[in-house]
Amino acid sequence: MTTSTVLTIRLHGADNVVVARKEIAAGSKIAEEKITCRDPIPFGHKVATMDIQPDAPVRKFGQIIGFASGPVSMFTPITWH
């Protein structure tokens, strides 16, 4: 699936996640990030734009908002428990 709609918001250039502006279907290309989603991404969820190793910082707003509890693969929604 290809779309020209901007699907995500990058809040800061140093972030390693972007935020879904709407529900994103599996297989959708996020052109501005040069990635394709493997899984559906719910509205408002974060999407890793690079692989994040366990215990590595997750950055949003240019700030560390947490640390990965396990490996996070890019293209996969990040869910907090």
PDB file of N, CA and C in Angstrom:
ATOM      1  N   MET A   1       0.848  -1.176   0.000  1.00  0.00           N
ATOM      2  CA  MET A   1       0.000   0.000   0.000  1.00  0.00           C
ATOM      3  C   MET A   1       0.892   1.237   0.000  1.00  0.00           C
ATOM      4  N   THR A   2       0.596   2.172  -0.846  1.00  0.00           N
ATOM      5  CA  THR A   2       1.346   3.411  -0.924  1.00  0.00           C
ATOM      6  C   THR A   2       0.383   4.569  -0.746  1.00  0.00           C
ATOM      7  N   THR A   3       0.844   5.591  -0.054  1.00  0.00           N
ATOM      8  CA  THR A   3      -0.006   6.760   0.153  1.00  0.00           C
ATOM      9  C   THR A   3       0.856   8.008   0.168  1.00  0.00           C
ATOM     10  N   SER A   4       0.288   9.130  -0.235  1.00  0.00           N
ATOM     11  CA  SER A   4       1.033  10.382  -0.227  1.00  0.00           C
ATOM     12  C   SER A   4       0.703  11.220   0.998  1.00  0.00           C
ATOM     13  N   THR A   5      -0.223  10.758   1.831  1.00  0.00           N
ATOM     14  CA  THR A   5      -0.597  11.465   3.040  1.00  0.00           C
ATOM     15  C   THR A   5       0.524  11.358   4.069  1.00  0.00           C
ATOM     16  N   VAL A   6       0.791  12.438   4.785  1.00  0.00           N
ATOM     17  CA  VAL A   6       1.778  12.393   5.855  1.00  0.00           C
ATOM     18  C   VAL A   6       1.141  11.633   7.011  1.00  0.00           C
ATOM     19  N   LEU A   7       1.703  10.464   7.326  1.00  0.00           N
ATOM     20  CA  LEU A   7       1.092   9.562   8.291  1.00  0.00           C
ATOM     21  C   LEU A   7       1.599   9.742   9.715  1.00  0.00           C
ATOM     22  N   THR A   8       2.786  10.350   9.866  1.00  0.00           N
ATOM     23  CA  THR A   8       3.385  10.457  11.196  1.00  0.00           C
ATOM     24  C   THR A   8       3.869  11.873  11.453  1.00  0.00           C
ATOM     25  N   ILE A   9       4.173  12.115  12.710  1.00  0.00           N
ATOM     26  CA  ILE A   9       4.752  13.398  13.124  1.00  0.00           C
ATOM     27  C   ILE A   9       6.073  13.097  13.816  1.00  0.00           C
ATOM     28  N   ARG A  10       7.142  13.739  13.362  1.00  0.00           N
ATOM     29  CA  ARG A  10       8.434  13.694  14.052  1.00  0.00           C
ATOM     30  C   ARG A  10       8.505  14.970  14.864  1.00  0.00           C
ATOM     31  N   LEU A  11       8.559  14.829  16.174  1.00  0.00           N
ATOM     32  CA  LEU A  11       8.489  15.992  17.049  1.00  0.00           C
ATOM     33  C   LEU A  11       9.823  16.692  17.246  1.00  0.00           C
ATOM     34  N   HIS A  12      10.918  15.997  16.972  1.00  0.00           N
ATOM     35  CA  HIS A  12      12.255  16.586  17.111  1.00  0.00           C
ATOM     36  C   HIS A  12      13.207  15.787  16.228  1.00  0.00           C
ATOM     37  N   GLY A  13      14.170  16.440  15.647  1.00  0.00           N
ATOM     38  CA  GLY A  13      15.120  15.782  14.758  1.00  0.00           C
ATOM     39  C   GLY A  13      15.939  14.680  15.404  1.00  0.00           C
ATOM     40  N   ALA A  14      16.119  14.718  16.725  1.00  0.00           N
ATOM     41  CA  ALA A  14      16.921  13.710  17.423  1.00  0.00           C
ATOM     42  C   ALA A  14      16.098  12.499  17.868  1.00  0.00           C
ATOM     43  N   ASP A  15      14.776  12.524  17.627  1.00  0.00           N
ATOM     44  CA  ASP A  15      13.916  11.428  18.083  1.00  0.00           C
ATOM     45  C   ASP A  15      14.202  10.139  17.318  1.00  0.00           C
ATOM     46  N   ASN A  16      14.039   9.006  18.003  1.00  0.00           N
ATOM     47  CA  ASN A  16      14.130   7.711  17.319  1.00  0.00           C
ATOM     48  C   ASN A  16      12.757   7.061  17.193  1.00  0.00           C
ATOM     49  N   VAL A  17      11.704   7.835  17.475  1.00  0.00           N
ATOM     50  CA  VAL A  17      10.325   7.412  17.253  1.00  0.00           C
ATOM     51  C   VAL A  17       9.563   8.562  16.602  1.00  0.00           C
ATOM     52  N   VAL A  18       8.519   8.197  15.871  1.00  0.00           N
ATOM     53  CA  VAL A  18       7.559   9.167  15.341  1.00  0.00           C
ATOM     54  C   VAL A  18       6.188   8.751  15.847  1.00  0.00           C
ATOM     55  N   VAL A  19       5.210   9.639  15.728  1.00  0.00           N
ATOM     56  CA  VAL A  19       3.871   9.384  16.250  1.00  0.00           C
ATOM     57  C   VAL A  19       2.889   9.282  15.084  1.00  0.00           C
ATOM     58  N   ALA A  20       2.042   8.247  15.137  1.00  0.00           N
ATOM     59  CA  ALA A  20       1.039   8.042  14.092  1.00  0.00           C
ATOM     60  C   ALA A  20      -0.039   9.122  14.167  1.00  0.00           C
ATOM     61  N   ARG A  21      -0.265   9.824  13.065  1.00  0.00           N
ATOM     62  CA  ARG A  21      -1.297  10.864  13.002  1.00  0.00           C
ATOM     63  C   ARG A  21      -2.681  10.287  12.814  1.00  0.00           C
ATOM     64  N   LYS A  22      -2.728   9.037  12.374  1.00  0.00           N
ATOM     65  CA  LYS A  22      -3.982   8.322  12.192  1.00  0.00           C
ATOM     66  C   LYS A  22      -3.652   6.844  12.199  1.00  0.00           C
ATOM     67  N   GLU A  23      -4.649   5.999  12.174  1.00  0.00           N
ATOM     68  CA  GLU A  23      -4.378   4.565  12.115  1.00  0.00           C
ATOM     69  C   GLU A  23      -3.660   4.261  10.806  1.00  0.00           C
ATOM     70  N   ILE A  24      -2.598   3.472  10.905  1.00  0.00           N
ATOM     71  CA  ILE A  24      -1.792   3.145   9.727  1.00  0.00           C
ATOM     72  C   ILE A  24      -1.891   1.640   9.497  1.00  0.00           C
ATOM     73  N   ALA A  25      -2.269   1.257   8.301  1.00  0.00           N
ATOM     74  CA  ALA A  25      -2.419  -0.162   7.958  1.00  0.00           C
ATOM     75  C   ALA A  25      -1.059  -0.817   7.772  1.00  0.00           C
ATOM     76  N   ALA A  26      -0.995  -2.107   8.094  1.00  0.00           N
ATOM     77  CA  ALA A  26       0.217  -2.887   7.810  1.00  0.00           C
ATOM     78  C   ALA A  26       0.506  -2.785   6.317  1.00  0.00           C
ATOM     79  N   GLY A  27       1.782  -2.650   5.988  1.00  0.00           N
ATOM     80  CA  GLY A  27       2.186  -2.531   4.590  1.00  0.00           C
ATOM     81  C   GLY A  27       2.241  -1.103   4.078  1.00  0.00           C
ATOM     82  N   SER A  28       1.775  -0.144   4.897  1.00  0.00           N
ATOM     83  CA  SER A  28       1.811   1.258   4.484  1.00  0.00           C
ATOM     84  C   SER A  28       3.240   1.774   4.492  1.00  0.00           C
ATOM     85  N   LYS A  29       3.554   2.561   3.484  1.00  0.00           N
ATOM     86  CA  LYS A  29       4.874   3.199   3.417  1.00  0.00           C
ATOM     87  C   LYS A  29       4.795   4.552   4.112  1.00  0.00           C
ATOM     88  N   ILE A  30       5.745   4.784   5.015  1.00  0.00           N
ATOM     89  CA  ILE A  30       5.882   6.097   5.646  1.00  0.00           C
ATOM     90  C   ILE A  30       7.030   6.767   4.907  1.00  0.00           C
ATOM     91  N   ALA A  31       6.675   7.466   3.836  1.00  0.00           N
ATOM     92  CA  ALA A  31       7.659   8.001   2.895  1.00  0.00           C
ATOM     93  C   ALA A  31       8.684   8.907   3.568  1.00  0.00           C
ATOM     94  N   GLU A  32       8.217   9.796   4.451  1.00  0.00           N
ATOM     95  CA  GLU A  32       9.136  10.759   5.070  1.00  0.00           C
ATOM     96  C   GLU A  32      10.177  10.085   5.963  1.00  0.00           C
ATOM     97  N   GLU A  33       9.914   8.858   6.399  1.00  0.00           N
ATOM     98  CA  GLU A  33      10.865   8.112   7.232  1.00  0.00           C
ATOM     99  C   GLU A  33      11.552   6.992   6.452  1.00  0.00           C
ATOM    100  N   LYS A  34      11.102   6.786   5.208  1.00  0.00           N
ATOM    101  CA  LYS A  34      11.661   5.745   4.334  1.00  0.00           C
ATOM    102  C   LYS A  34      11.532   4.355   4.953  1.00  0.00           C
ATOM    103  N   ILE A  35      10.347   4.093   5.545  1.00  0.00           N
ATOM    104  CA  ILE A  35      10.084   2.783   6.136  1.00  0.00           C
ATOM    105  C   ILE A  35       8.708   2.295   5.694  1.00  0.00           C
ATOM    106  N   THR A  36       8.491   1.000   5.825  1.00  0.00           N
ATOM    107  CA  THR A  36       7.197   0.383   5.569  1.00  0.00           C
ATOM    108  C   THR A  36       6.768  -0.329   6.844  1.00  0.00           C
ATOM    109  N   CYS A  37       5.540  -0.107   7.263  1.00  0.00           N
ATOM    110  CA  CYS A  37       5.035  -0.719   8.494  1.00  0.00           C
ATOM    111  C   CYS A  37       4.759  -2.198   8.276  1.00  0.00           C
ATOM    112  N   ARG A  38       5.285  -3.027   9.155  1.00  0.00           N
ATOM    113  CA  ARG A  38       4.995  -4.467   9.113  1.00  0.00           C
ATOM    114  C   ARG A  38       3.662  -4.765   9.763  1.00  0.00           C
ATOM    115  N   ASP A  39       3.319  -4.015  10.797  1.00  0.00           N
ATOM    116  CA  ASP A  39       2.115  -4.243  11.588  1.00  0.00           C
ATOM    117  C   ASP A  39       1.224  -3.008  11.500  1.00  0.00           C
ATOM    118  N   PRO A  40      -0.067  -3.157  11.798  1.00  0.00           N
ATOM    119  CA  PRO A  40      -0.917  -1.962  11.883  1.00  0.00           C
ATOM    120  C   PRO A  40      -0.480  -1.100  13.070  1.00  0.00           C
ATOM    121  N   ILE A  41      -0.563   0.201  12.893  1.00  0.00           N
ATOM    122  CA  ILE A  41      -0.168   1.147  13.933  1.00  0.00           C
ATOM    123  C   ILE A  41      -1.404   1.936  14.340  1.00  0.00           C
ATOM    124  N   PRO A  42      -1.829   1.836  15.591  1.00  0.00           N
ATOM    125  CA  PRO A  42      -2.994   2.611  16.032  1.00  0.00           C
ATOM    126  C   PRO A  42      -2.683   4.114  16.087  1.00  0.00           C
ATOM    127  N   PHE A  43      -3.709   4.924  15.919  1.00  0.00           N
ATOM    128  CA  PHE A  43      -3.588   6.374  16.048  1.00  0.00           C
ATOM    129  C   PHE A  43      -2.897   6.725  17.356  1.00  0.00           C
ATOM    130  N   GLY A  44      -1.943   7.652  17.302  1.00  0.00           N
ATOM    131  CA  GLY A  44      -1.285   8.162  18.501  1.00  0.00           C
ATOM    132  C   GLY A  44      -0.136   7.318  19.023  1.00  0.00           C
ATOM    133  N   HIS A  45       0.055   6.119  18.467  1.00  0.00           N
ATOM    134  CA  HIS A  45       1.146   5.270  18.948  1.00  0.00           C
ATOM    135  C   HIS A  45       2.474   5.693  18.332  1.00  0.00           C
ATOM    136  N   LYS A  46       3.530   5.350  19.029  1.00  0.00           N
ATOM    137  CA  LYS A  46       4.868   5.646  18.555  1.00  0.00           C
ATOM    138  C   LYS A  46       5.358   4.522  17.649  1.00  0.00           C
ATOM    139  N   VAL A  47       6.151   4.896  16.650  1.00  0.00           N
ATOM    140  CA  VAL A  47       6.746   3.938  15.727  1.00  0.00           C
ATOM    141  C   VAL A  47       8.250   4.172  15.751  1.00  0.00           C
ATOM    142  N   ALA A  48       9.006   3.126  16.026  1.00  0.00           N
ATOM    143  CA  ALA A  48      10.468   3.243  16.006  1.00  0.00           C
ATOM    144  C   ALA A  48      10.937   3.442  14.568  1.00  0.00           C
ATOM    145  N   THR A  49      11.842   4.366  14.364  1.00  0.00           N
ATOM    146  CA  THR A  49      12.375   4.617  13.025  1.00  0.00           C
ATOM    147  C   THR A  49      13.753   3.994  12.841  1.00  0.00           C
ATOM    148  N   MET A  50      14.206   3.300  13.865  1.00  0.00           N
ATOM    149  CA  MET A  50      15.465   2.555  13.822  1.00  0.00           C
ATOM    150  C   MET A  50      15.357   1.464  14.870  1.00  0.00           C
ATOM    151  N   ASP A  51      16.182   0.437  14.764  1.00  0.00           N
ATOM    152  CA  ASP A  51      16.188  -0.585  15.800  1.00  0.00           C
ATOM    153  C   ASP A  51      16.692   0.040  17.102  1.00  0.00           C
ATOM    154  N   ILE A  52      16.049  -0.313  18.198  1.00  0.00           N
ATOM    155  CA  ILE A  52      16.437   0.198  19.522  1.00  0.00           C
ATOM    156  C   ILE A  52      16.795  -1.007  20.375  1.00  0.00           C
ATOM    157  N   GLN A  53      18.003  -1.023  20.865  1.00  0.00           N
ATOM    158  CA  GLN A  53      18.504  -2.145  21.660  1.00  0.00           C
ATOM    159  C   GLN A  53      17.957  -2.089  23.086  1.00  0.00           C
ATOM    160  N   PRO A  54      17.913  -3.248  23.778  1.00  0.00           N
ATOM    161  CA  PRO A  54      17.453  -3.254  25.169  1.00  0.00           C
ATOM    162  C   PRO A  54      18.234  -2.247  26.015  1.00  0.00           C
ATOM    163  N   ASP A  55      17.533  -1.553  26.865  1.00  0.00           N
ATOM    164  CA  ASP A  55      18.084  -0.544  27.777  1.00  0.00           C
ATOM    165  C   ASP A  55      18.532   0.738  27.085  1.00  0.00           C
ATOM    166  N   ALA A  56      18.361   0.835  25.764  1.00  0.00           N
ATOM    167  CA  ALA A  56      18.724   2.060  25.043  1.00  0.00           C
ATOM    168  C   ALA A  56      17.608   3.094  25.233  1.00  0.00           C
ATOM    169  N   PRO A  57      17.955   4.380  25.203  1.00  0.00           N
ATOM    170  CA  PRO A  57      16.937   5.412  25.380  1.00  0.00           C
ATOM    171  C   PRO A  57      15.970   5.481  24.199  1.00  0.00           C
ATOM    172  N   VAL A  58      14.713   5.771  24.528  1.00  0.00           N
ATOM    173  CA  VAL A  58      13.689   6.080  23.535  1.00  0.00           C
ATOM    174  C   VAL A  58      13.517   7.590  23.601  1.00  0.00           C
ATOM    175  N   ARG A  59      13.660   8.252  22.449  1.00  0.00           N
ATOM    176  CA  ARG A  59      13.626   9.720  22.421  1.00  0.00           C
ATOM    177  C   ARG A  59      12.400  10.239  21.682  1.00  0.00           C
ATOM    178  N   LYS A  60      11.707  11.157  22.352  1.00  0.00           N
ATOM    179  CA  LYS A  60      10.549  11.854  21.786  1.00  0.00           C
ATOM    180  C   LYS A  60      10.620  13.276  22.330  1.00  0.00           C
ATOM    181  N   PHE A  61      10.253  14.250  21.542  1.00  0.00           N
ATOM    182  CA  PHE A  61      10.377  15.678  21.916  1.00  0.00           C
ATOM    183  C   PHE A  61      11.836  16.064  22.128  1.00  0.00           C
ATOM    184  N   GLY A  62      12.786  15.259  21.591  1.00  0.00           N
ATOM    185  CA  GLY A  62      14.199  15.533  21.798  1.00  0.00           C
ATOM    186  C   GLY A  62      14.672  15.145  23.190  1.00  0.00           C
ATOM    187  N   GLN A  63      13.822  14.456  23.942  1.00  0.00           N
ATOM    188  CA  GLN A  63      14.124  14.065  25.320  1.00  0.00           C
ATOM    189  C   GLN A  63      14.023  12.555  25.468  1.00  0.00           C
ATOM    190  N   ILE A  64      14.712  12.014  26.437  1.00  0.00           N
ATOM    191  CA  ILE A  64      14.561  10.599  26.759  1.00  0.00           C
ATOM    192  C   ILE A  64      13.244  10.443  27.512  1.00  0.00           C
ATOM    193  N   ILE A  65      12.349   9.603  26.946  1.00  0.00           N
ATOM    194  CA  ILE A  65      11.049   9.384  27.598  1.00  0.00           C
ATOM    195  C   ILE A  65      10.979   8.008  28.249  1.00  0.00           C
ATOM    196  N   GLY A  66      12.017   7.227  28.085  1.00  0.00           N
ATOM    197  CA  GLY A  66      12.052   5.895  28.682  1.00  0.00           C
ATOM    198  C   GLY A  66      13.198   5.105  28.078  1.00  0.00           C
ATOM    199  N   PHE A  67      13.290   3.853  28.483  1.00  0.00           N
ATOM    200  CA  PHE A  67      14.336   2.966  27.988  1.00  0.00           C
ATOM    201  C   PHE A  67      13.681   1.684  27.501  1.00  0.00           C
ATOM    202  N   ALA A  68      14.194   1.142  26.419  1.00  0.00           N
ATOM    203  CA  ALA A  68      13.624  -0.081  25.854  1.00  0.00           C
ATOM    204  C   ALA A  68      13.794  -1.231  26.837  1.00  0.00           C
ATOM    205  N   SER A  69      12.697  -1.918  27.143  1.00  0.00           N
ATOM    206  CA  SER A  69      12.775  -3.057  28.067  1.00  0.00           C
ATOM    207  C   SER A  69      13.246  -4.315  27.347  1.00  0.00           C
ATOM    208  N   GLY A  70      13.207  -4.291  26.042  1.00  0.00           N
ATOM    209  CA  GLY A  70      13.681  -5.391  25.206  1.00  0.00           C
ATOM    210  C   GLY A  70      14.016  -4.817  23.846  1.00  0.00           C
ATOM    211  N   PRO A  71      14.429  -5.645  22.913  1.00  0.00           N
ATOM    212  CA  PRO A  71      14.752  -5.118  21.586  1.00  0.00           C
ATOM    213  C   PRO A  71      13.495  -4.591  20.897  1.00  0.00           C
ATOM    214  N   VAL A  72      13.612  -3.433  20.273  1.00  0.00           N
ATOM    215  CA  VAL A  72      12.514  -2.837  19.523  1.00  0.00           C
ATOM    216  C   VAL A  72      12.955  -2.780  18.071  1.00  0.00           C
ATOM    217  N   SER A  73      12.198  -3.429  17.229  1.00  0.00           N
ATOM    218  CA  SER A  73      12.506  -3.430  15.810  1.00  0.00           C
ATOM    219  C   SER A  73      11.839  -2.238  15.151  1.00  0.00           C
ATOM    220  N   MET A  74      12.564  -1.586  14.259  1.00  0.00           N
ATOM    221  CA  MET A  74      11.938  -0.480  13.537  1.00  0.00           C
ATOM    222  C   MET A  74      10.738  -1.008  12.774  1.00  0.00           C
ATOM    223  N   PHE A  75       9.823  -0.165  12.475  1.00  0.00           N
ATOM    224  CA  PHE A  75       8.574  -0.446  11.768  1.00  0.00           C
ATOM    225  C   PHE A  75       7.504  -1.036  12.666  1.00  0.00           C
ATOM    226  N   THR A  76       7.788  -1.267  13.932  1.00  0.00           N
ATOM    227  CA  THR A  76       6.837  -1.921  14.832  1.00  0.00           C
ATOM    228  C   THR A  76       6.328  -0.903  15.841  1.00  0.00           C
ATOM    229  N   PRO A  77       5.027  -0.899  16.145  1.00  0.00           N
ATOM    230  CA  PRO A  77       4.534   0.069  17.131  1.00  0.00           C
ATOM    231  C   PRO A  77       5.129  -0.194  18.501  1.00  0.00           C
ATOM    232  N   ILE A  78       5.397   0.864  19.224  1.00  0.00           N
ATOM    233  CA  ILE A  78       5.932   0.747  20.582  1.00  0.00           C
ATOM    234  C   ILE A  78       4.749   0.887  21.547  1.00  0.00           C
ATOM    235  N   THR A  79       4.598  -0.080  22.391  1.00  0.00           N
ATOM    236  CA  THR A  79       3.514  -0.067  23.360  1.00  0.00           C
ATOM    237  C   THR A  79       4.118  -0.047  24.759  1.00  0.00           C
ATOM    238  N   TRP A  80       3.599   0.816  25.605  1.00  0.00           N
ATOM    239  CA  TRP A  80       4.086   0.912  26.980  1.00  0.00           C
ATOM    240  C   TRP A  80       3.165   0.129  27.877  1.00  0.00           C
ATOM    241  N   HIS A  81       3.726  -0.615  28.808  1.00  0.00           N
ATOM    242  CA  HIS A  81       2.931  -1.397  29.760  1.00  0.00           C
ATOM    243  C   HIS A  81       3.063  -0.803  31.141  1.00  0.00           C
TER     244      HIS A  81
END
